[in-house]
Amino acid sequence: MRVRGVRPERLLLDRLPELTMPVLVAWGKSDQLLPVSNVEKIRARLPQARYELYQKAGHMLPYEVADEFSSALIDFLRS
């Protein structure tokens, strides 16, 4: 990371389709470190993943929306 975000040479987006396991992508719509617009870039490469977007959260989902995030994570791990 750097002040203005992730270094372009370190992006792993192009490697995402190599994942063969189930993937949960959880994102806060008010994330100021990694904009929610990144979710669409991920979705284009991992359409089969499960997506959870949180309206009232930023970057720290386990703290900001602990109950909702924990429920979604437990449900994902059980499936």
Protein backbone atom coordinates (compact mmCIF):
# COMPACT_ATOMS: atom_id res chain seq x y z
CA MET A 1 0.00 0.00 0.00
CA ARG A 2 0.95 3.59 -0.39
CA VAL A 3 -0.73 6.87 0.43
CA ARG A 4 -2.77 6.85 -2.77
CA GLY A 5 -3.75 3.19 -2.72
CA VAL A 6 -2.37 -0.11 -3.95
CA ARG A 7 0.68 -0.12 -6.18
CA PRO A 8 -0.41 -1.06 -9.71
CA GLU A 9 2.38 -3.61 -10.10
CA ARG A 10 1.09 -5.45 -7.03
CA LEU A 11 -2.48 -5.89 -8.19
CA LEU A 12 -3.63 -9.48 -8.13
CA LEU A 13 -6.85 -8.97 -10.05
CA ASP A 14 -5.64 -10.93 -13.05
CA ARG A 15 -4.83 -13.93 -10.84
CA LEU A 16 -8.27 -14.12 -9.21
CA PRO A 17 -9.72 -16.49 -11.85
CA GLU A 18 -7.08 -19.04 -10.79
CA LEU A 19 -8.86 -19.52 -7.46
CA THR A 20 -10.68 -22.83 -7.33
CA MET A 21 -12.11 -22.61 -3.82
CA PRO A 22 -15.29 -20.80 -2.75
CA VAL A 23 -14.66 -17.09 -2.18
CA LEU A 24 -16.48 -14.57 -0.01
CA VAL A 25 -15.96 -10.91 -0.90
CA ALA A 26 -17.14 -8.61 1.90
CA TRP A 27 -16.94 -4.84 1.48
CA GLY A 28 -18.11 -1.72 3.24
CA LYS A 29 -19.70 0.85 0.97
CA SER A 30 -18.01 3.66 2.92
CA ASP A 31 -14.51 2.17 2.70
CA GLN A 32 -12.10 5.07 2.30
CA LEU A 33 -9.00 2.90 1.82
CA LEU A 34 -10.30 0.62 -0.92
CA PRO A 35 -13.28 2.09 -2.82
CA VAL A 36 -16.36 -0.04 -3.27
CA SER A 37 -15.94 0.42 -7.04
CA ASN A 38 -13.24 -2.26 -6.78
CA VAL A 39 -15.95 -4.84 -6.16
CA GLU A 40 -17.02 -4.68 -9.81
CA LYS A 41 -13.43 -5.33 -10.91
CA ILE A 42 -13.38 -8.40 -8.69
CA ARG A 43 -16.86 -9.53 -9.79
CA ALA A 44 -15.74 -9.41 -13.44
CA ARG A 45 -13.01 -11.91 -12.61
CA LEU A 46 -14.85 -13.97 -9.96
CA PRO A 47 -18.51 -14.06 -10.93
CA GLN A 48 -19.07 -17.23 -8.90
CA ALA A 49 -17.96 -15.66 -5.61
CA ARG A 50 -20.40 -14.68 -2.90
CA TYR A 51 -20.65 -10.92 -2.38
CA GLU A 52 -21.68 -9.14 0.81
CA LEU A 53 -21.86 -5.33 0.72
CA TYR A 54 -22.46 -3.39 3.90
CA GLN A 55 -24.20 -0.02 3.62
CA LYS A 56 -23.11 1.36 6.99
CA ALA A 57 -19.50 0.20 7.09
CA GLY A 58 -16.08 1.25 5.92
CA HIS A 59 -12.86 -0.77 5.94
CA MET A 60 -13.17 -2.49 9.33
CA LEU A 61 -16.16 -4.79 8.87
CA PRO A 62 -15.52 -7.02 11.91
CA TYR A 63 -15.72 -3.94 14.13
CA GLU A 64 -18.22 -1.72 12.33
CA VAL A 65 -20.86 -4.33 11.51
CA ALA A 66 -19.70 -7.21 13.70
CA ASP A 67 -22.99 -9.09 13.96
CA GLU A 68 -23.89 -8.89 10.27
CA PHE A 69 -20.38 -9.71 9.12
CA SER A 70 -20.01 -12.62 11.54
CA SER A 71 -23.35 -14.08 10.45
CA ALA A 72 -22.43 -13.85 6.77
CA LEU A 73 -19.01 -15.38 7.41
CA ILE A 74 -20.41 -18.27 9.45
CA ASP A 75 -23.06 -18.93 6.80
CA PHE A 76 -20.39 -18.89 4.08
CA LEU A 77 -18.13 -21.28 5.99
CA ARG A 78 -21.03 -23.68 6.59
CA SER A 79 -22.03 -23.78 2.92
